[in-house]
Each structure stands twice: as structure tokens, then as C-alpha cells.
Amino acid sequence: MARELPKGRALVIRGGLSPVIVKTPRAWRAPEYRAAKRHNQTIAAVIPAQAHRSIEAPIPVEPLPPAPDQQVLEPVGGQPNGDRPQPDGDYPWSTA
């Protein structure tokens, strides 16, 4: 187990594989960076992100009708008051 990575190295963790210590390239030694530095273009232009439109109220949504070839299934052994259990003991573990 390494306590500290050597200079110029990075720890690469890939899903399902063992972690690996790799040598990272020096960006400031790349010819593209050196050419940009000579022309004073090493700083990227910051462009603000476009604002998102906010929604004042939720949009009402109705359920989709079933497909013509699909049958509608009804629950078996439903509760007497619809889908919700009675508060006075409809659970198997409750005693009335």
C-alpha cells in the first residue's frame, strides 16, 4: 500500500480492475501548449452559461390510456377502503 504517489504519477481506478499507478504527461512540455503560450493564448475565454427558464407551477399530467391490445389488471384482495390499509388493524402484525 502506497502512502504517497511519486511525483508525476497518478492513480487510475477502473471499474472491476485493479488500481494502477501511471506516469502522467507534462502538459506544459506539449508543443501545442508552448505555441499557445508564445501567442498569449494559454488562458481560455470564459463564456457564461445560458440561463434556464423556471416553471412557476407544476404541469398537470394525466395517466396514459392502456394500449388496445393490453388488458387492464385489477388488484386481487384489495383493502375495504381502496388501496390503503385501515388504521385499526388491517396489518397481519396488528392486534385489534
PDB file of N, CA and C in Angstrom:
ATOM      1  N   MET A   1       0.835  -1.174   0.000  1.00  0.00           N
ATOM      2  CA  MET A   1       0.000   0.000   0.000  1.00  0.00           C
ATOM      3  C   MET A   1       0.882   1.239   0.000  1.00  0.00           C
ATOM      4  N   ALA A   2       0.648   2.127  -0.927  1.00  0.00           N
ATOM      5  CA  ALA A   2       1.444   3.346  -1.036  1.00  0.00           C
ATOM      6  C   ALA A   2       0.784   4.456  -0.239  1.00  0.00           C
ATOM      7  N   ARG A   3       1.575   5.171   0.541  1.00  0.00           N
ATOM      8  CA  ARG A   3       1.047   6.305   1.302  1.00  0.00           C
ATOM      9  C   ARG A   3       0.988   7.560   0.455  1.00  0.00           C
ATOM     10  N   GLU A   4       1.886   7.663  -0.499  1.00  0.00           N
ATOM     11  CA  GLU A   4       2.003   8.884  -1.291  1.00  0.00           C
ATOM     12  C   GLU A   4       2.419   8.496  -2.704  1.00  0.00           C
ATOM     13  N   LEU A   5       1.840   9.183  -3.677  1.00  0.00           N
ATOM     14  CA  LEU A   5       2.204   8.901  -5.065  1.00  0.00           C
ATOM     15  C   LEU A   5       3.507   9.598  -5.425  1.00  0.00           C
ATOM     16  N   PRO A   6       4.358   8.964  -6.233  1.00  0.00           N
ATOM     17  CA  PRO A   6       5.570   9.641  -6.685  1.00  0.00           C
ATOM     18  C   PRO A   6       5.223  10.848  -7.554  1.00  0.00           C
ATOM     19  N   LYS A   7       6.147  11.761  -7.673  1.00  0.00           N
ATOM     20  CA  LYS A   7       5.929  12.971  -8.456  1.00  0.00           C
ATOM     21  C   LYS A   7       5.707  12.615  -9.926  1.00  0.00           C
ATOM     22  N   GLY A   8       4.686  13.219 -10.534  1.00  0.00           N
ATOM     23  CA  GLY A   8       4.401  12.969 -11.942  1.00  0.00           C
ATOM     24  C   GLY A   8       3.633  11.685 -12.197  1.00  0.00           C
ATOM     25  N   ARG A   9       3.040  11.104 -11.157  1.00  0.00           N
ATOM     26  CA  ARG A   9       2.275   9.871 -11.299  1.00  0.00           C
ATOM     27  C   ARG A   9       0.835  10.114 -10.863  1.00  0.00           C
ATOM     28  N   ALA A  10      -0.084   9.257 -11.331  1.00  0.00           N
ATOM     29  CA  ALA A  10      -1.491   9.355 -10.956  1.00  0.00           C
ATOM     30  C   ALA A  10      -2.022   7.956 -10.676  1.00  0.00           C
ATOM     31  N   LEU A  11      -3.045   7.870  -9.828  1.00  0.00           N
ATOM     32  CA  LEU A  11      -3.690   6.607  -9.526  1.00  0.00           C
ATOM     33  C   LEU A  11      -4.916   6.477 -10.410  1.00  0.00           C
ATOM     34  N   VAL A  12      -4.968   5.429 -11.239  1.00  0.00           N
ATOM     35  CA  VAL A  12      -6.089   5.191 -12.140  1.00  0.00           C
ATOM     36  C   VAL A  12      -6.906   4.043 -11.575  1.00  0.00           C
ATOM     37  N   ILE A  13      -8.189   4.306 -11.308  1.00  0.00           N
ATOM     38  CA  ILE A  13      -9.091   3.284 -10.788  1.00  0.00           C
ATOM     39  C   ILE A  13     -10.144   3.032 -11.853  1.00  0.00           C
ATOM     40  N   ARG A  14     -10.172   1.828 -12.378  1.00  0.00           N
ATOM     41  CA  ARG A  14     -11.142   1.442 -13.415  1.00  0.00           C
ATOM     42  C   ARG A  14     -12.067   0.401 -12.821  1.00  0.00           C
ATOM     43  N   GLY A  15     -13.344   0.469 -13.193  1.00  0.00           N
ATOM     44  CA  GLY A  15     -14.342  -0.441 -12.639  1.00  0.00           C
ATOM     45  C   GLY A  15     -14.006  -1.903 -12.876  1.00  0.00           C
ATOM     46  N   GLY A  16     -13.949  -2.687 -11.815  1.00  0.00           N
ATOM     47  CA  GLY A  16     -13.708  -4.113 -11.937  1.00  0.00           C
ATOM     48  C   GLY A  16     -12.258  -4.511 -12.131  1.00  0.00           C
ATOM     49  N   LEU A  17     -11.347  -3.556 -12.246  1.00  0.00           N
ATOM     50  CA  LEU A  17      -9.932  -3.859 -12.459  1.00  0.00           C
ATOM     51  C   LEU A  17      -9.106  -3.328 -11.293  1.00  0.00           C
ATOM     52  N   SER A  18      -7.895  -3.817 -11.180  1.00  0.00           N
ATOM     53  CA  SER A  18      -7.005  -3.373 -10.116  1.00  0.00           C
ATOM     54  C   SER A  18      -6.564  -1.935 -10.338  1.00  0.00           C
ATOM     55  N   PRO A  19      -6.365  -1.179  -9.249  1.00  0.00           N
ATOM     56  CA  PRO A  19      -5.842   0.181  -9.410  1.00  0.00           C
ATOM     57  C   PRO A  19      -4.406   0.147  -9.933  1.00  0.00           C
ATOM     58  N   VAL A  20      -4.066   1.154 -10.743  1.00  0.00           N
ATOM     59  CA  VAL A  20      -2.753   1.205 -11.382  1.00  0.00           C
ATOM     60  C   VAL A  20      -2.168   2.599 -11.184  1.00  0.00           C
ATOM     61  N   ILE A  21      -0.869   2.669 -10.931  1.00  0.00           N
ATOM     62  CA  ILE A  21      -0.160   3.950 -10.865  1.00  0.00           C
ATOM     63  C   ILE A  21       0.466   4.174 -12.232  1.00  0.00           C
ATOM     64  N   VAL A  22       0.137   5.300 -12.864  1.00  0.00           N
ATOM     65  CA  VAL A  22       0.620   5.593 -14.213  1.00  0.00           C
ATOM     66  C   VAL A  22       1.408   6.891 -14.221  1.00  0.00           C
ATOM     67  N   LYS A  23       2.266   7.027 -15.224  1.00  0.00           N
ATOM     68  CA  LYS A  23       3.027   8.251 -15.411  1.00  0.00           C
ATOM     69  C   LYS A  23       2.181   9.211 -16.235  1.00  0.00           C
ATOM     70  N   THR A  24       2.038  10.430 -15.767  1.00  0.00           N
ATOM     71  CA  THR A  24       1.220  11.420 -16.470  1.00  0.00           C
ATOM     72  C   THR A  24       2.110  12.314 -17.320  1.00  0.00           C
ATOM     73  N   PRO A  25       1.667  12.666 -18.522  1.00  0.00           N
ATOM     74  CA  PRO A  25       2.470  13.544 -19.368  1.00  0.00           C
ATOM     75  C   PRO A  25       2.445  14.983 -18.849  1.00  0.00           C
ATOM     76  N   ARG A  26       3.482  15.705 -19.121  1.00  0.00           N
ATOM     77  CA  ARG A  26       3.576  17.106 -18.726  1.00  0.00           C
ATOM     78  C   ARG A  26       2.909  17.964 -19.786  1.00  0.00           C
ATOM     79  N   ALA A  27       1.847  18.631 -19.433  1.00  0.00           N
ATOM     80  CA  ALA A  27       1.113  19.448 -20.405  1.00  0.00           C
ATOM     81  C   ALA A  27       1.946  20.642 -20.857  1.00  0.00           C
ATOM     82  N   TRP A  28       2.740  21.220 -19.963  1.00  0.00           N
ATOM     83  CA  TRP A  28       3.495  22.411 -20.332  1.00  0.00           C
ATOM     84  C   TRP A  28       4.665  22.103 -21.260  1.00  0.00           C
ATOM     85  N   ARG A  29       4.959  20.804 -21.478  1.00  0.00           N
ATOM     86  CA  ARG A  29       6.006  20.439 -22.431  1.00  0.00           C
ATOM     87  C   ARG A  29       5.440  20.084 -23.801  1.00  0.00           C
ATOM     88  N   ALA A  30       4.123  20.061 -23.935  1.00  0.00           N
ATOM     89  CA  ALA A  30       3.495  19.720 -25.210  1.00  0.00           C
ATOM     90  C   ALA A  30       3.699  20.862 -26.200  1.00  0.00           C
ATOM     91  N   PRO A  31       3.945  20.548 -27.474  1.00  0.00           N
ATOM     92  CA  PRO A  31       4.173  21.601 -28.460  1.00  0.00           C
ATOM     93  C   PRO A  31       2.959  22.516 -28.654  1.00  0.00           C
ATOM     94  N   GLU A  32       1.733  21.973 -28.501  1.00  0.00           N
ATOM     95  CA  GLU A  32       0.539  22.808 -28.650  1.00  0.00           C
ATOM     96  C   GLU A  32       0.468  23.877 -27.558  1.00  0.00           C
ATOM     97  N   TYR A  33       0.820  23.497 -26.328  1.00  0.00           N
ATOM     98  CA  TYR A  33       0.792  24.457 -25.229  1.00  0.00           C
ATOM     99  C   TYR A  33       1.890  25.507 -25.400  1.00  0.00           C
ATOM    100  N   ARG A  34       3.064  25.077 -25.815  1.00  0.00           N
ATOM    101  CA  ARG A  34       4.162  26.036 -25.990  1.00  0.00           C
ATOM    102  C   ARG A  34       3.853  27.047 -27.094  1.00  0.00           C
ATOM    103  N   ALA A  35       3.224  26.589 -28.188  1.00  0.00           N
ATOM    104  CA  ALA A  35       2.849  27.510 -29.268  1.00  0.00           C
ATOM    105  C   ALA A  35       1.788  28.487 -28.794  1.00  0.00           C
ATOM    106  N   ALA A  36       0.816  28.009 -28.025  1.00  0.00           N
ATOM    107  CA  ALA A  36      -0.223  28.901 -27.497  1.00  0.00           C
ATOM    108  C   ALA A  36       0.371  29.906 -26.516  1.00  0.00           C
ATOM    109  N   LYS A  37       1.352  29.485 -25.733  1.00  0.00           N
ATOM    110  CA  LYS A  37       1.992  30.393 -24.778  1.00  0.00           C
ATOM    111  C   LYS A  37       2.760  31.496 -25.501  1.00  0.00           C
ATOM    112  N   ARG A  38       3.399  31.163 -26.623  1.00  0.00           N
ATOM    113  CA  ARG A  38       4.118  32.187 -27.384  1.00  0.00           C
ATOM    114  C   ARG A  38       3.178  33.249 -27.941  1.00  0.00           C
ATOM    115  N   HIS A  39       1.927  32.848 -28.247  1.00  0.00           N
ATOM    116  CA  HIS A  39       0.947  33.782 -28.814  1.00  0.00           C
ATOM    117  C   HIS A  39      -0.018  34.335 -27.760  1.00  0.00           C
ATOM    118  N   ASN A  40       0.309  34.148 -26.479  1.00  0.00           N
ATOM    119  CA  ASN A  40      -0.515  34.620 -25.355  1.00  0.00           C
ATOM    120  C   ASN A  40      -1.956  34.102 -25.450  1.00  0.00           C
ATOM    121  N   GLN A  41      -2.127  32.833 -25.760  1.00  0.00           N
ATOM    122  CA  GLN A  41      -3.455  32.223 -25.860  1.00  0.00           C
ATOM    123  C   GLN A  41      -3.613  31.049 -24.902  1.00  0.00           C
ATOM    124  N   THR A  42      -2.913  31.080 -23.791  1.00  0.00           N
ATOM    125  CA  THR A  42      -2.968  29.949 -22.867  1.00  0.00           C
ATOM    126  C   THR A  42      -4.157  30.018 -21.919  1.00  0.00           C
ATOM    127  N   ILE A  43      -4.830  31.167 -21.823  1.00  0.00           N
ATOM    128  CA  ILE A  43      -5.979  31.306 -20.934  1.00  0.00           C
ATOM    129  C   ILE A  43      -7.245  31.186 -21.766  1.00  0.00           C
ATOM    130  N   ALA A  44      -8.128  30.276 -21.369  1.00  0.00           N
ATOM    131  CA  ALA A  44      -9.366  30.054 -22.108  1.00  0.00           C
ATOM    132  C   ALA A  44     -10.343  31.199 -21.848  1.00  0.00           C
ATOM    133  N   ALA A  45     -11.113  31.538 -22.860  1.00  0.00           N
ATOM    134  CA  ALA A  45     -12.149  32.556 -22.707  1.00  0.00           C
ATOM    135  C   ALA A  45     -13.324  31.967 -21.941  1.00  0.00           C
ATOM    136  N   VAL A  46     -13.797  32.696 -20.932  1.00  0.00           N
ATOM    137  CA  VAL A  46     -14.913  32.232 -20.119  1.00  0.00           C
ATOM    138  C   VAL A  46     -16.206  32.761 -20.721  1.00  0.00           C
ATOM    139  N   ILE A  47     -17.118  31.838 -21.052  1.00  0.00           N
ATOM    140  CA  ILE A  47     -18.398  32.208 -21.643  1.00  0.00           C
ATOM    141  C   ILE A  47     -19.489  31.819 -20.655  1.00  0.00           C
ATOM    142  N   PRO A  48     -20.364  32.758 -20.262  1.00  0.00           N
ATOM    143  CA  PRO A  48     -21.407  32.404 -19.288  1.00  0.00           C
ATOM    144  C   PRO A  48     -22.404  31.412 -19.879  1.00  0.00           C
ATOM    145  N   ALA A  49     -22.905  30.540 -19.015  1.00  0.00           N
ATOM    146  CA  ALA A  49     -23.882  29.544 -19.447  1.00  0.00           C
ATOM    147  C   ALA A  49     -25.247  30.192 -19.627  1.00  0.00           C
ATOM    148  N   GLN A  50     -26.051  29.617 -20.510  1.00  0.00           N
ATOM    149  CA  GLN A  50     -27.390  30.137 -20.758  1.00  0.00           C
ATOM    150  C   GLN A  50     -28.278  29.815 -19.559  1.00  0.00           C
ATOM    151  N   ALA A  51     -29.095  30.799 -19.147  1.00  0.00           N
ATOM    152  CA  ALA A  51     -29.979  30.619 -18.007  1.00  0.00           C
ATOM    153  C   ALA A  51     -31.140  29.699 -18.376  1.00  0.00           C
ATOM    154  N   HIS A  52     -31.608  28.935 -17.394  1.00  0.00           N
ATOM    155  CA  HIS A  52     -32.746  28.043 -17.599  1.00  0.00           C
ATOM    156  C   HIS A  52     -34.034  28.765 -17.222  1.00  0.00           C
ATOM    157  N   ARG A  53     -35.095  28.463 -17.951  1.00  0.00           N
ATOM    158  CA  ARG A  53     -36.398  29.049 -17.652  1.00  0.00           C
ATOM    159  C   ARG A  53     -37.005  28.279 -16.491  1.00  0.00           C
ATOM    160  N   SER A  54     -37.494  29.002 -15.494  1.00  0.00           N
ATOM    161  CA  SER A  54     -38.114  28.348 -14.348  1.00  0.00           C
ATOM    162  C   SER A  54     -39.613  28.177 -14.587  1.00  0.00           C
ATOM    163  N   ILE A  55     -40.186  27.167 -13.977  1.00  0.00           N
ATOM    164  CA  ILE A  55     -41.612  26.886 -14.098  1.00  0.00           C
ATOM    165  C   ILE A  55     -42.271  27.295 -12.788  1.00  0.00           C
ATOM    166  N   GLU A  56     -43.317  28.122 -12.868  1.00  0.00           N
ATOM    167  CA  GLU A  56     -43.981  28.612 -11.664  1.00  0.00           C
ATOM    168  C   GLU A  56     -44.805  27.528 -10.974  1.00  0.00           C
ATOM    169  N   ALA A  57     -45.562  26.756 -11.733  1.00  0.00           N
ATOM    170  CA  ALA A  57     -46.432  25.733 -11.163  1.00  0.00           C
ATOM    171  C   ALA A  57     -46.187  24.409 -11.881  1.00  0.00           C
ATOM    172  N   PRO A  58     -46.433  23.290 -11.177  1.00  0.00           N
ATOM    173  CA  PRO A  58     -46.246  22.002 -11.843  1.00  0.00           C
ATOM    174  C   PRO A  58     -47.239  21.819 -12.988  1.00  0.00           C
ATOM    175  N   ILE A  59     -46.812  21.114 -14.006  1.00  0.00           N
ATOM    176  CA  ILE A  59     -47.650  20.857 -15.164  1.00  0.00           C
ATOM    177  C   ILE A  59     -48.504  19.621 -14.862  1.00  0.00           C
ATOM    178  N   PRO A  60     -49.855  19.728 -14.951  1.00  0.00           N
ATOM    179  CA  PRO A  60     -50.682  18.554 -14.656  1.00  0.00           C
ATOM    180  C   PRO A  60     -50.494  17.466 -15.720  1.00  0.00           C
ATOM    181  N   VAL A  61     -50.413  16.236 -15.255  1.00  0.00           N
ATOM    182  CA  VAL A  61     -50.195  15.106 -16.146  1.00  0.00           C
ATOM    183  C   VAL A  61     -51.268  14.062 -15.876  1.00  0.00           C
ATOM    184  N   GLU A  62     -51.900  13.565 -16.924  1.00  0.00           N
ATOM    185  CA  GLU A  62     -52.889  12.506 -16.790  1.00  0.00           C
ATOM    186  C   GLU A  62     -52.249  11.182 -17.193  1.00  0.00           C
ATOM    187  N   PRO A  63     -52.690  10.076 -16.561  1.00  0.00           N
ATOM    188  CA  PRO A  63     -52.109   8.787 -16.953  1.00  0.00           C
ATOM    189  C   PRO A  63     -52.489   8.419 -18.379  1.00  0.00           C
ATOM    190  N   LEU A  64     -51.609   7.701 -19.030  1.00  0.00           N
ATOM    191  CA  LEU A  64     -51.862   7.263 -20.399  1.00  0.00           C
ATOM    192  C   LEU A  64     -52.931   6.181 -20.418  1.00  0.00           C
ATOM    193  N   PRO A  65     -53.790   6.163 -21.419  1.00  0.00           N
ATOM    194  CA  PRO A  65     -54.769   5.068 -21.512  1.00  0.00           C
ATOM    195  C   PRO A  65     -54.056   3.777 -21.902  1.00  0.00           C
ATOM    196  N   PRO A  66     -54.608   2.626 -21.509  1.00  0.00           N
ATOM    197  CA  PRO A  66     -53.947   1.368 -21.866  1.00  0.00           C
ATOM    198  C   PRO A  66     -53.993   1.143 -23.376  1.00  0.00           C
ATOM    199  N   ALA A  67     -53.024   0.421 -23.858  1.00  0.00           N
ATOM    200  CA  ALA A  67     -52.973   0.092 -25.284  1.00  0.00           C
ATOM    201  C   ALA A  67     -54.170  -0.792 -25.632  1.00  0.00           C
ATOM    202  N   PRO A  68     -54.673  -0.760 -26.882  1.00  0.00           N
ATOM    203  CA  PRO A  68     -55.855  -1.551 -27.240  1.00  0.00           C
ATOM    204  C   PRO A  68     -55.666  -3.056 -27.052  1.00  0.00           C
ATOM    205  N   ASP A  69     -54.467  -3.559 -27.227  1.00  0.00           N
ATOM    206  CA  ASP A  69     -54.241  -4.993 -27.082  1.00  0.00           C
ATOM    207  C   ASP A  69     -53.802  -5.386 -25.680  1.00  0.00           C
ATOM    208  N   GLN A  70     -53.842  -4.454 -24.731  1.00  0.00           N
ATOM    209  CA  GLN A  70     -53.375  -4.718 -23.379  1.00  0.00           C
ATOM    210  C   GLN A  70     -54.570  -4.731 -22.436  1.00  0.00           C
ATOM    211  N   GLN A  71     -54.677  -5.765 -21.610  1.00  0.00           N
ATOM    212  CA  GLN A  71     -55.784  -5.824 -20.669  1.00  0.00           C
ATOM    213  C   GLN A  71     -55.432  -5.082 -19.396  1.00  0.00           C
ATOM    214  N   VAL A  72     -56.451  -4.513 -18.749  1.00  0.00           N
ATOM    215  CA  VAL A  72     -56.252  -3.775 -17.510  1.00  0.00           C
ATOM    216  C   VAL A  72     -56.367  -4.759 -16.356  1.00  0.00           C
ATOM    217  N   LEU A  73     -55.347  -4.822 -15.517  1.00  0.00           N
ATOM    218  CA  LEU A  73     -55.335  -5.740 -14.386  1.00  0.00           C
ATOM    219  C   LEU A  73     -55.872  -5.040 -13.149  1.00  0.00           C
ATOM    220  N   GLU A  74     -56.754  -5.718 -12.437  1.00  0.00           N
ATOM    221  CA  GLU A  74     -57.298  -5.213 -11.185  1.00  0.00           C
ATOM    222  C   GLU A  74     -56.603  -5.928 -10.037  1.00  0.00           C
ATOM    223  N   PRO A  75     -56.351  -5.235  -8.909  1.00  0.00           N
ATOM    224  CA  PRO A  75     -55.718  -5.906  -7.778  1.00  0.00           C
ATOM    225  C   PRO A  75     -56.645  -6.947  -7.155  1.00  0.00           C
ATOM    226  N   VAL A  76     -56.058  -8.034  -6.686  1.00  0.00           N
ATOM    227  CA  VAL A  76     -56.813  -9.107  -6.057  1.00  0.00           C
ATOM    228  C   VAL A  76     -56.751  -8.911  -4.551  1.00  0.00           C
ATOM    229  N   GLY A  77     -57.897  -9.056  -3.887  1.00  0.00           N
ATOM    230  CA  GLY A  77     -57.938  -8.960  -2.421  1.00  0.00           C
ATOM    231  C   GLY A  77     -57.581  -7.588  -1.923  1.00  0.00           C
ATOM    232  N   GLY A  78     -58.143  -6.573  -2.502  1.00  0.00           N
ATOM    233  CA  GLY A  78     -57.850  -5.207  -2.094  1.00  0.00           C
ATOM    234  C   GLY A  78     -58.412  -4.890  -0.716  1.00  0.00           C
ATOM    235  N   GLN A  79     -58.013  -3.789  -0.174  1.00  0.00           N
ATOM    236  CA  GLN A  79     -58.475  -3.342   1.133  1.00  0.00           C
ATOM    237  C   GLN A  79     -59.896  -2.784   1.010  1.00  0.00           C
ATOM    238  N   PRO A  80     -60.677  -2.781   2.089  1.00  0.00           N
ATOM    239  CA  PRO A  80     -62.041  -2.286   2.017  1.00  0.00           C
ATOM    240  C   PRO A  80     -62.149  -0.804   1.687  1.00  0.00           C
ATOM    241  N   ASN A  81     -61.154   0.007   2.006  1.00  0.00           N
ATOM    242  CA  ASN A  81     -61.227   1.439   1.723  1.00  0.00           C
ATOM    243  C   ASN A  81     -60.345   1.815   0.535  1.00  0.00           C
ATOM    244  N   GLY A  82     -60.217   0.954  -0.433  1.00  0.00           N
ATOM    245  CA  GLY A  82     -59.371   1.247  -1.591  1.00  0.00           C
ATOM    246  C   GLY A  82     -58.033   0.558  -1.446  1.00  0.00           C
ATOM    247  N   ASP A  83     -56.975   1.262  -1.766  1.00  0.00           N
ATOM    248  CA  ASP A  83     -55.642   0.672  -1.707  1.00  0.00           C
ATOM    249  C   ASP A  83     -54.972   0.847  -0.354  1.00  0.00           C
ATOM    250  N   ARG A  84     -55.539   1.674   0.512  1.00  0.00           N
ATOM    251  CA  ARG A  84     -54.870   1.968   1.777  1.00  0.00           C
ATOM    252  C   ARG A  84     -55.375   1.040   2.882  1.00  0.00           C
ATOM    253  N   PRO A  85     -54.490   0.541   3.726  1.00  0.00           N
ATOM    254  CA  PRO A  85     -54.922  -0.315   4.835  1.00  0.00           C
ATOM    255  C   PRO A  85     -55.647   0.511   5.901  1.00  0.00           C
ATOM    256  N   GLN A  86     -56.560  -0.161   6.623  1.00  0.00           N
ATOM    257  CA  GLN A  86     -57.286   0.506   7.705  1.00  0.00           C
ATOM    258  C   GLN A  86     -56.328   0.794   8.856  1.00  0.00           C
ATOM    259  N   PRO A  87     -56.467   1.939   9.520  1.00  0.00           N
ATOM    260  CA  PRO A  87     -55.563   2.248  10.632  1.00  0.00           C
ATOM    261  C   PRO A  87     -55.846   1.428  11.877  1.00  0.00           C
ATOM    262  N   ASP A  88     -56.962   0.697  11.926  1.00  0.00           N
ATOM    263  CA  ASP A  88     -57.322  -0.023  13.149  1.00  0.00           C
ATOM    264  C   ASP A  88     -56.993  -1.504  13.105  1.00  0.00           C
ATOM    265  N   GLY A  89     -56.073  -1.950  12.256  1.00  0.00           N
ATOM    266  CA  GLY A  89     -55.648  -3.329  12.351  1.00  0.00           C
ATOM    267  C   GLY A  89     -55.768  -4.161  11.104  1.00  0.00           C
ATOM    268  N   ASP A  90     -55.597  -3.645   9.941  1.00  0.00           N
ATOM    269  CA  ASP A  90     -55.612  -4.465   8.734  1.00  0.00           C
ATOM    270  C   ASP A  90     -54.260  -5.091   8.428  1.00  0.00           C
ATOM    271  N   TYR A  91     -53.267  -4.793   9.223  1.00  0.00           N
ATOM    272  CA  TYR A  91     -51.967  -5.402   9.018  1.00  0.00           C
ATOM    273  C   TYR A  91     -51.936  -6.756   9.713  1.00  0.00           C
ATOM    274  N   PRO A  92     -51.197  -7.735   9.174  1.00  0.00           N
ATOM    275  CA  PRO A  92     -51.141  -9.046   9.811  1.00  0.00           C
ATOM    276  C   PRO A  92     -50.545  -8.998  11.215  1.00  0.00           C
ATOM    277  N   TRP A  93     -49.661  -8.041  11.491  1.00  0.00           N
ATOM    278  CA  TRP A  93     -48.984  -7.994  12.777  1.00  0.00           C
ATOM    279  C   TRP A  93     -49.754  -7.170  13.815  1.00  0.00           C
ATOM    280  N   SER A  94     -50.825  -6.498  13.411  1.00  0.00           N
ATOM    281  CA  SER A  94     -51.566  -5.674  14.352  1.00  0.00           C
ATOM    282  C   SER A  94     -52.651  -6.503  15.029  1.00  0.00           C
ATOM    283  N   THR A  95     -52.905  -6.166  16.259  1.00  0.00           N
ATOM    284  CA  THR A  95     -53.955  -6.867  17.008  1.00  0.00           C
ATOM    285  C   THR A  95     -55.089  -5.897  17.262  1.00  0.00           C
ATOM    286  N   ALA A  96     -56.281  -6.355  17.039  1.00  0.00           N
ATOM    287  CA  ALA A  96     -57.448  -5.495  17.212  1.00  0.00           C
ATOM    288  C   ALA A  96     -58.056  -5.658  18.566  1.00  0.00           C
TER     289      ALA A  96
END
